[in-house]
């Protein structure tokens, strides 16, 4: 016997809608396959990003990290496209408005080590001083050797600069 459950919501459940996919698609639309998006275009996309776009970028980086594990080394076309998207998303995260720093830093808790590397470098680029406590906490919990090495290097650079 199947029981029906009745649920009345107080109103529609609103999900933030991200414009990131459309922004990235427009940026890549007219480029040749191996061409990188210009710094100016990347910065223009980043300026349009809010918390929903930042969260979408982190999720997208996670998806790309999983896709990269599945791609065979001989499939250069697929690998190059993954790398190009990762590069663009990384560049966007490095240039979002500073008041979204915490949204970017939240990506340090990603389940994907490649995403955590992109996020660590992005918060370092956004605000090295604000990044230090986040990077220290991330390093303390990091289980992946490569991500740990990036965190160590990023922390060492910030600390050597007297930040």
Protein backbone atom coordinates (compact mmCIF):
# COMPACT_ATOMS: atom_id res chain seq x y z
CA UNK A 1 0.00 0.00 0.00
CA UNK A 2 1.35 3.41 -0.98
CA UNK A 3 0.70 6.26 1.38
CA UNK A 4 0.36 9.70 -0.03
CA UNK A 5 1.95 12.54 1.84
CA UNK A 6 0.51 15.99 1.56
CA UNK A 7 2.86 18.88 1.94
CA UNK A 8 1.92 22.49 1.69
CA UNK A 9 4.71 24.94 1.24
CA UNK A 10 4.43 28.50 2.44
CA UNK A 11 5.52 29.55 -1.00
CA UNK A 12 7.82 28.49 -3.78
CA UNK A 13 11.27 27.34 -2.78
CA UNK A 14 13.62 29.72 -4.48
CA UNK A 15 16.95 28.46 -5.77
CA UNK A 16 19.59 30.98 -6.76
CA UNK A 17 19.95 31.05 -10.51
CA UNK A 18 23.46 31.34 -11.83
CA UNK A 19 24.29 33.14 -15.04
CA UNK A 20 27.76 31.57 -15.12
CA UNK A 21 27.10 28.95 -17.81
CA UNK A 22 25.72 31.59 -20.18
CA UNK A 23 28.63 33.95 -19.47
CA UNK A 24 31.20 31.21 -20.11
CA UNK A 25 29.40 30.03 -23.25
CA UNK A 26 29.42 33.56 -24.67
CA UNK A 27 33.13 33.93 -23.86
CA UNK A 28 34.03 30.67 -25.62
CA UNK A 29 31.57 30.92 -28.52
CA UNK A 30 33.82 32.73 -30.99
CA UNK A 31 37.17 31.25 -29.95
CA UNK A 32 39.13 28.62 -31.80
CA UNK A 33 39.44 25.30 -29.92
CA UNK A 34 42.77 25.81 -28.09
CA UNK A 35 42.50 29.57 -27.61
CA UNK A 36 42.36 30.95 -24.08
CA UNK A 37 39.83 33.57 -23.05
CA UNK A 38 41.51 36.97 -22.74
CA UNK A 39 42.33 38.45 -19.34
CA UNK A 40 39.97 41.35 -20.05
CA UNK A 41 37.10 39.01 -20.93
CA UNK A 42 37.76 36.84 -17.86
CA UNK A 43 37.78 39.94 -15.63
CA UNK A 44 34.53 41.15 -17.21
CA UNK A 45 32.87 37.81 -16.43
CA UNK A 46 34.21 37.86 -12.86
CA UNK A 47 32.77 41.33 -12.27
CA UNK A 48 29.32 39.94 -13.04
CA UNK A 49 29.65 37.10 -10.55
CA UNK A 50 27.80 36.95 -7.28
CA UNK A 51 27.50 34.13 -4.75
CA UNK A 52 25.38 31.95 -7.06
CA UNK A 53 27.95 32.17 -9.87
CA UNK A 54 30.83 31.48 -7.49
CA UNK A 55 29.08 28.42 -6.10
CA UNK A 56 28.33 27.30 -9.67
CA UNK A 57 32.01 27.74 -10.61
CA UNK A 58 33.10 25.57 -7.69
CA UNK A 59 30.56 22.86 -8.54
CA UNK A 60 31.64 23.05 -12.19
CA UNK A 61 35.29 22.66 -11.18
CA UNK A 62 34.27 19.59 -9.15
CA UNK A 63 32.47 18.14 -12.18
CA UNK A 64 35.48 18.84 -14.40
CA UNK A 65 37.79 17.14 -11.89
CA UNK A 66 35.60 14.03 -12.01
CA UNK A 67 35.46 14.20 -15.82
CA UNK A 68 39.24 14.50 -15.96
CA UNK A 69 39.63 11.24 -14.05
CA UNK A 70 37.49 9.49 -16.67
CA UNK A 71 39.27 10.88 -19.74
CA UNK A 72 41.90 8.67 -21.29
CA UNK A 73 45.34 10.24 -21.83
CA UNK A 74 45.07 9.69 -25.57
CA UNK A 75 41.85 11.77 -25.79
CA UNK A 76 43.60 15.12 -26.17
CA UNK A 77 40.49 16.90 -27.46
CA UNK A 78 38.47 16.12 -24.35
CA UNK A 79 41.42 16.76 -22.04
CA UNK A 80 42.18 20.12 -23.66
CA UNK A 81 38.57 21.25 -23.30
CA UNK A 82 38.52 20.26 -19.62
CA UNK A 83 41.78 22.12 -19.04
CA UNK A 84 40.53 25.20 -20.88
CA UNK A 85 37.34 25.32 -18.80
CA UNK A 86 39.29 24.78 -15.56
CA UNK A 87 41.64 27.60 -16.54
CA UNK A 88 38.76 29.96 -17.27
CA UNK A 89 36.88 29.13 -14.06
CA UNK A 90 40.10 29.53 -12.08
CA UNK A 91 40.67 32.93 -13.67
CA UNK A 92 37.13 33.99 -12.86
CA UNK A 93 37.47 32.97 -9.20
CA UNK A 94 40.74 34.93 -8.97
CA UNK A 95 38.98 38.11 -10.10
CA UNK A 96 35.53 38.13 -8.49
CA UNK A 97 34.65 41.23 -6.45
CA UNK A 98 36.39 41.19 -3.08
CA UNK A 99 33.16 41.23 -1.12
CA UNK A 100 32.61 37.64 -2.34
CA UNK A 101 35.85 36.36 -0.82
CA UNK A 102 34.09 34.05 1.66
CA UNK A 103 32.01 32.46 -1.10
CA UNK A 104 35.22 31.57 -2.93
CA UNK A 105 36.96 30.38 0.26
CA UNK A 106 34.07 27.97 0.89
CA UNK A 107 35.44 25.97 -2.04
CA UNK A 108 38.36 24.87 0.15
CA UNK A 109 35.91 22.29 1.53
CA UNK A 110 35.28 20.77 -1.90
CA UNK A 111 35.52 16.99 -2.09
CA UNK A 112 37.78 17.34 -5.16
CA UNK A 113 41.48 18.07 -4.55
CA UNK A 114 41.88 19.79 -7.93
CA UNK A 115 39.10 22.20 -7.02
CA UNK A 116 40.71 22.90 -3.65
CA UNK A 117 43.94 23.81 -5.45
CA UNK A 118 42.12 26.25 -7.75
CA UNK A 119 40.32 27.79 -4.78
CA UNK A 120 43.50 28.10 -2.68
CA UNK A 121 45.26 29.98 -5.45
CA UNK A 122 42.19 32.10 -6.13
CA UNK A 123 41.77 33.32 -2.55
CA UNK A 124 45.49 34.01 -2.40
CA UNK A 125 45.11 36.18 -5.50
CA UNK A 126 42.00 37.92 -4.14
CA UNK A 127 43.33 38.85 -0.70
CA UNK A 128 46.47 37.20 0.62
CA UNK A 129 46.01 38.48 4.16
CA UNK A 130 42.41 37.28 4.41
CA UNK A 131 43.41 33.97 2.80
CA UNK A 132 45.96 33.00 5.47
CA UNK A 133 43.58 31.65 8.15
CA UNK A 134 41.51 29.82 5.54
CA UNK A 135 44.62 28.27 4.01
CA UNK A 136 45.95 27.21 7.41
CA UNK A 137 42.67 25.48 8.28
CA UNK A 138 42.53 23.85 4.86
CA UNK A 139 46.11 22.57 5.22
CA UNK A 140 45.31 21.07 8.63
CA UNK A 141 42.52 18.96 7.15
CA UNK A 142 44.05 18.26 3.71
CA UNK A 143 44.43 14.56 2.84
CA UNK A 144 45.76 14.89 -0.71
CA UNK A 145 49.52 15.29 -1.20
CA UNK A 146 49.31 17.55 -4.26
CA UNK A 147 46.72 19.85 -2.74
CA UNK A 148 48.73 19.91 0.48
CA UNK A 149 51.87 20.96 -1.41
CA UNK A 150 50.02 23.84 -3.08
CA UNK A 151 48.66 24.96 0.28
CA UNK A 152 52.15 24.84 1.83
CA UNK A 153 53.64 26.86 -1.03
CA UNK A 154 50.83 29.41 -0.98
CA UNK A 155 51.17 29.85 2.79
CA UNK A 156 54.96 30.11 2.58
CA UNK A 157 54.76 32.83 -0.07
CA UNK A 158 52.27 34.85 1.96
CA UNK A 159 54.25 34.48 5.16
CA UNK A 160 57.56 35.35 3.48
CA UNK A 161 56.01 38.56 2.18
CA UNK A 162 55.14 39.52 5.73
CA UNK A 163 51.43 39.57 5.12
